[in-house]
Amino acid sequence: MLFNSLDFAVFLPIVFVLYWFVLKNNLKSQNILIVIASYVFYGWWDWRFLSLIAFSTVLDFLIGLKLSKEENQQKRKILLWCSIFVNLGFLGFFKYYNFFLDNFITAFSFFGNDIKANSLNIILPVGISFYTFQTLSYTIDVYRKKLEPTKDFVAFTAFVSFFPQLVAGPIERATNLLPQFYKKRTFNYTLAVDGLRQILWGLFKKIVIADNCATYANLIFNNSDDYSGSTLVLGALFFTFQIYGDFSGYSDIAIGTSRLFGFDLKQNFAFPYFSRDIAEFWRRWHISLSSWFKDYVYIPLGGSQGGTAMKIRNTFIIFIVSGFWHGANWTFIVWGALNAIYFLPLLLTNKNRNNIEVVANNTFLPSIKEVFQMLITLSLTILAWVFFRADTVGHALSIISEIFSKSLLTIPNFEGFIKSLVVILMILFFISIEWLGRRGLFALEKIYVVKYRLLRWAFYLMLIISIIIFGGDQQGFIYFQF
């Protein structure tokens, strides 16, 4: 079920009414409703894969209970690795089986040994990378004794399958979300209004910005051999805002929907395209995934505490694994490695934490130096996105080669170029609103400071009309494939 679908527009009010008006005084019943709603939400796509979520839920719930009673460290490690092996085993089979098989065959063919093996027609379960990491964080934190294991199976099931963030995050930690299922929740009007505001902005990002950008990004990338360097740059720019509008839009809708039910999810995007260096970008982009890898992979490897060789090794590991998490293609691995190359000079010169506060925190406009830094960072990010979007590494290299040719100096030309100028204007409007709201958790969080209610409602109405009039062809969320 898509957030930007009629199905969800019917589903959400029904669950909301049942939750607050029918079951408002019964916490257990509310949690049961969330579980049922979450399984309906996920099963709407393909009910067969509900068994995977259910199996991971039961497994990690039981392992958590067993860990709480087991004092023998060796047995505790066995329990932990059982959870890791099973959860990552499911993920590896559905997401990476054909990738490893194809590369295994290619490697042997290179040395003159032909191996006959058939790839499998495997359907990738939506959101498997997200809920796998979410339930793994529970087991790991219980193992580390940072979290008391729950004995409430309904609450734990609701935590694993919570429908607003089930299929594309944010990847929540049990330490933040699970305790919220234990506490009695009362309807908070202010919180609900704030949630609706964030949902509206998320829908605008997805339907107006991402879906319109997707039309031209797909056209240009799918026919890249026919276009000049200047057109390819425009295509990369469209994809840059497509993926941001798509993914951060989903996160906004997920967080806003959670607030309607009295839950508080972590911020997942913090205006990353205003970053002044790559280190800041990765503190602001897909925060829940970046922090997951930092806490459960990077720090256990030694983080940045060792010598230069260890710092370089750990940086490449974390970025390459992050790239591979996104998909079974060498393009994602190269994308991750390229970001590691961007990041290393900052780490090795101890400049990776120079820009902690939001840009122009105490002023309205950035300084010339900050503008220069943001443009460089965005340019490097756009270059990396070419690998992320391309079909193959060779495809990405051919696009980049053309971008750095003489044709870069020509006027962009492609079918629908004039219409695309309207999308560019939408992007500029979008950037302006994001800039004004960059100090909040999302762009419209502090819009209440606008003195006149009429102006606020006029702005909301304009966004709604824009969604209706300028909504592009309906596209699935990009991160569903991960």
Foldseek 3Di string as FASTA:
>chain_A
DFPPDVVVVVLLVVLLCCLCPVCQPPLLVNLLSQLVSLLCLQCVVPNVCVVVLVVLLVLLLVLLVVLVVDDPLVVNVVSLVVSVCVLVVVVCVQFPPQLVVVVVQVVCVVVVDHDDDDDDPHDRRAQSLQLSLLSSLVSVCSSVVVDRRDPDSSLSSSSSRRRLARRQDPRFHCVAFSVVSVDNAHADPVLLVLLVVLLLQLLLLQFQQQQLLCVLLCVCLVPVVVWFLQSLLSSLVSVVSNQCSQRLSSVSNSQSSCSSSPGHGDQQAQPLLLDLALLSSLCGHRPSLSVSCCVPPQVVLPHLPDDPVSNLVSLLVSQQVVLVSQHSAVLSNVLSNLSSVRQSVCSVVVNSCVDDDGAPNPHLDHDPSSVVSSVVRNVSVSLSVLSVPHPHPVSSVVSVVSNPDPSSPPDTDDPCPVVCVVSVVVVVVVVVQCSCQSNDSGSCSPVVVPPDPVVVVVVSVVSVVSSVPNGHDDDHRSSSSD
